[in-house]
Amino acid sequence: MIYAGQHALITDHFVREGFGQRKIGEIKYFDVMYFYYYLLNEKDLQANTVDTIHTVLHPTFQLAVRDGIIRLMCYGRDKKERGKE
C-alpha cells in the first residue's frame, strides 16, 4: 500500500519533471513505455521502484478514461478485460 506522503514523494521525485508536465490527453502508450524504459535504463532504477511508480500513475489514467479525457487506457486493457480472453 502506498501512503499519501509516499505518493507525493514518488510524484515529485520521479514524475513531475518532464513526464509530469505533459497533458494527460497527449500521452500515448509509447510515451509511457519509453518513460519506464528511461527510468530503468537511464536513471538505473530497480524494477520494483518502477512498479511503484506505475502503481501511482495507473489510477490517474483509469480516472481519465472514466471521465472521457482519454479514450483508451494507454496502459493497456484492465484486468477484467484480460480475463475475458
C-alpha atoms as a PDB file:
ATOM      1  CA  MET A   1       0.000   0.000   0.000  1.00  0.00           C
ATOM      2  CA  ILE A   2       1.258   3.465  -0.858  1.00  0.00           C
ATOM      3  CA  TYR A   3       0.509   6.183   1.660  1.00  0.00           C
ATOM      4  CA  ALA A   4      -0.217   9.827   0.795  1.00  0.00           C
ATOM      5  CA  GLY A   5       3.273  11.001   1.759  1.00  0.00           C
ATOM      6  CA  GLN A   6       4.881   8.294  -0.352  1.00  0.00           C
ATOM      7  CA  HIS A   7       2.602   9.143  -3.266  1.00  0.00           C
ATOM      8  CA  ALA A   8       3.681  12.798  -3.137  1.00  0.00           C
ATOM      9  CA  LEU A   9       7.343  11.842  -2.822  1.00  0.00           C
ATOM     10  CA  ILE A  10       7.190   9.492  -5.807  1.00  0.00           C
ATOM     11  CA  THR A  11       5.314  12.051  -7.895  1.00  0.00           C
ATOM     12  CA  ASP A  12       7.642  14.913  -7.012  1.00  0.00           C
ATOM     13  CA  HIS A  13      10.855  12.935  -7.333  1.00  0.00           C
ATOM     14  CA  PHE A  14      10.258  10.794 -10.432  1.00  0.00           C
ATOM     15  CA  VAL A  15       7.234  12.039 -12.373  1.00  0.00           C
ATOM     16  CA  ARG A  16       6.659  15.781 -12.030  1.00  0.00           C
ATOM     17  CA  GLU A  17       9.686  16.952 -14.044  1.00  0.00           C
ATOM     18  CA  GLY A  18       9.382  16.085 -17.727  1.00  0.00           C
ATOM     19  CA  PHE A  19       6.720  13.383 -17.996  1.00  0.00           C
ATOM     20  CA  GLY A  20       4.517  15.037 -15.377  1.00  0.00           C
ATOM     21  CA  GLN A  21       4.477  18.333 -17.286  1.00  0.00           C
ATOM     22  CA  ARG A  22       2.568  16.821 -20.214  1.00  0.00           C
ATOM     23  CA  LYS A  23      -1.197  16.959 -20.585  1.00  0.00           C
ATOM     24  CA  ILE A  24      -2.757  13.574 -19.964  1.00  0.00           C
ATOM     25  CA  GLY A  25      -4.664  13.654 -23.261  1.00  0.00           C
ATOM     26  CA  GLU A  26      -1.390  13.941 -25.182  1.00  0.00           C
ATOM     27  CA  ILE A  27       0.283  10.894 -23.618  1.00  0.00           C
ATOM     28  CA  LYS A  28       0.369   7.782 -25.794  1.00  0.00           C
ATOM     29  CA  TYR A  29       1.172   4.169 -24.971  1.00  0.00           C
ATOM     30  CA  PHE A  30       4.671   4.556 -26.420  1.00  0.00           C
ATOM     31  CA  ASP A  31       5.312   7.554 -24.157  1.00  0.00           C
ATOM     32  CA  VAL A  32       4.521   5.543 -21.042  1.00  0.00           C
ATOM     33  CA  MET A  33       6.652   2.603 -22.155  1.00  0.00           C
ATOM     34  CA  TYR A  34       9.518   4.943 -23.017  1.00  0.00           C
ATOM     35  CA  PHE A  35       9.177   6.624 -19.613  1.00  0.00           C
ATOM     36  CA  TYR A  36       9.530   3.234 -17.893  1.00  0.00           C
ATOM     37  CA  TYR A  37      12.463   2.357 -20.164  1.00  0.00           C
ATOM     38  CA  TYR A  38      14.096   5.684 -19.274  1.00  0.00           C
ATOM     39  CA  LEU A  39      13.647   5.053 -15.561  1.00  0.00           C
ATOM     40  CA  LEU A  40      15.088   1.539 -15.803  1.00  0.00           C
ATOM     41  CA  ASN A  41      17.960   2.163 -18.195  1.00  0.00           C
ATOM     42  CA  GLU A  42      18.873   5.845 -17.960  1.00  0.00           C
ATOM     43  CA  LYS A  43      18.099   6.510 -14.303  1.00  0.00           C
ATOM     44  CA  ASP A  44      19.136   2.964 -13.262  1.00  0.00           C
ATOM     45  CA  LEU A  45      16.086   2.444 -11.067  1.00  0.00           C
ATOM     46  CA  GLN A  46      15.178  -1.026  -9.894  1.00  0.00           C
ATOM     47  CA  ALA A  47      12.157  -2.767 -11.410  1.00  0.00           C
ATOM     48  CA  ASN A  48      10.369  -2.664  -8.048  1.00  0.00           C
ATOM     49  CA  THR A  49      10.717   1.132  -7.953  1.00  0.00           C
ATOM     50  CA  VAL A  50       9.305   1.456 -11.475  1.00  0.00           C
ATOM     51  CA  ASP A  51       6.431  -0.823 -10.435  1.00  0.00           C
ATOM     52  CA  THR A  52       5.721   1.513  -7.524  1.00  0.00           C
ATOM     53  CA  ILE A  53       5.679   4.478  -9.918  1.00  0.00           C
ATOM     54  CA  HIS A  54       3.265   2.524 -12.134  1.00  0.00           C
ATOM     55  CA  THR A  55       1.070   1.924  -9.074  1.00  0.00           C
ATOM     56  CA  VAL A  56       0.873   5.699  -8.612  1.00  0.00           C
ATOM     57  CA  LEU A  57       0.253   6.556 -12.287  1.00  0.00           C
ATOM     58  CA  HIS A  58      -2.201   3.813 -13.246  1.00  0.00           C
ATOM     59  CA  PRO A  59      -5.215   5.112 -11.264  1.00  0.00           C
ATOM     60  CA  THR A  60      -4.707   8.540 -12.823  1.00  0.00           C
ATOM     61  CA  PHE A  61      -5.087   7.068 -16.292  1.00  0.00           C
ATOM     62  CA  GLN A  62      -8.066   4.962 -15.195  1.00  0.00           C
ATOM     63  CA  LEU A  63      -9.873   8.068 -13.977  1.00  0.00           C
ATOM     64  CA  ALA A  64      -9.024   9.931 -17.183  1.00  0.00           C
ATOM     65  CA  VAL A  65     -10.681   7.135 -19.185  1.00  0.00           C
ATOM     66  CA  ARG A  66     -13.758   7.125 -16.956  1.00  0.00           C
ATOM     67  CA  ASP A  67     -14.045  10.918 -17.222  1.00  0.00           C
ATOM     68  CA  GLY A  68     -13.705  10.831 -21.008  1.00  0.00           C
ATOM     69  CA  ILE A  69     -10.433  12.752 -21.075  1.00  0.00           C
ATOM     70  CA  ILE A  70      -8.753   9.896 -22.943  1.00  0.00           C
ATOM     71  CA  ARG A  71     -10.463   7.166 -24.922  1.00  0.00           C
ATOM     72  CA  LEU A  72      -8.427   4.097 -24.065  1.00  0.00           C
ATOM     73  CA  MET A  73      -6.026   3.133 -21.359  1.00  0.00           C
ATOM     74  CA  CYS A  74      -2.532   3.828 -22.582  1.00  0.00           C
ATOM     75  CA  TYR A  75      -1.519   1.165 -20.085  1.00  0.00           C
ATOM     76  CA  GLY A  76      -3.417  -1.500 -21.994  1.00  0.00           C
ATOM     77  CA  ARG A  77      -6.562  -3.310 -21.008  1.00  0.00           C
ATOM     78  CA  ASP A  78      -7.913  -3.561 -17.485  1.00  0.00           C
ATOM     79  CA  LYS A  79      -7.610  -6.856 -15.615  1.00  0.00           C
ATOM     80  CA  LYS A  80     -11.331  -7.541 -16.171  1.00  0.00           C
ATOM     81  CA  GLU A  81     -10.892  -7.348 -19.949  1.00  0.00           C
ATOM     82  CA  ARG A  82      -7.791  -9.577 -19.890  1.00  0.00           C
ATOM     83  CA  GLY A  83      -9.729 -12.306 -18.104  1.00  0.00           C
ATOM     84  CA  LYS A  84     -12.331 -12.465 -20.908  1.00  0.00           C
ATOM     85  CA  GLU A  85      -9.861 -13.822 -23.465  1.00  0.00           C
END
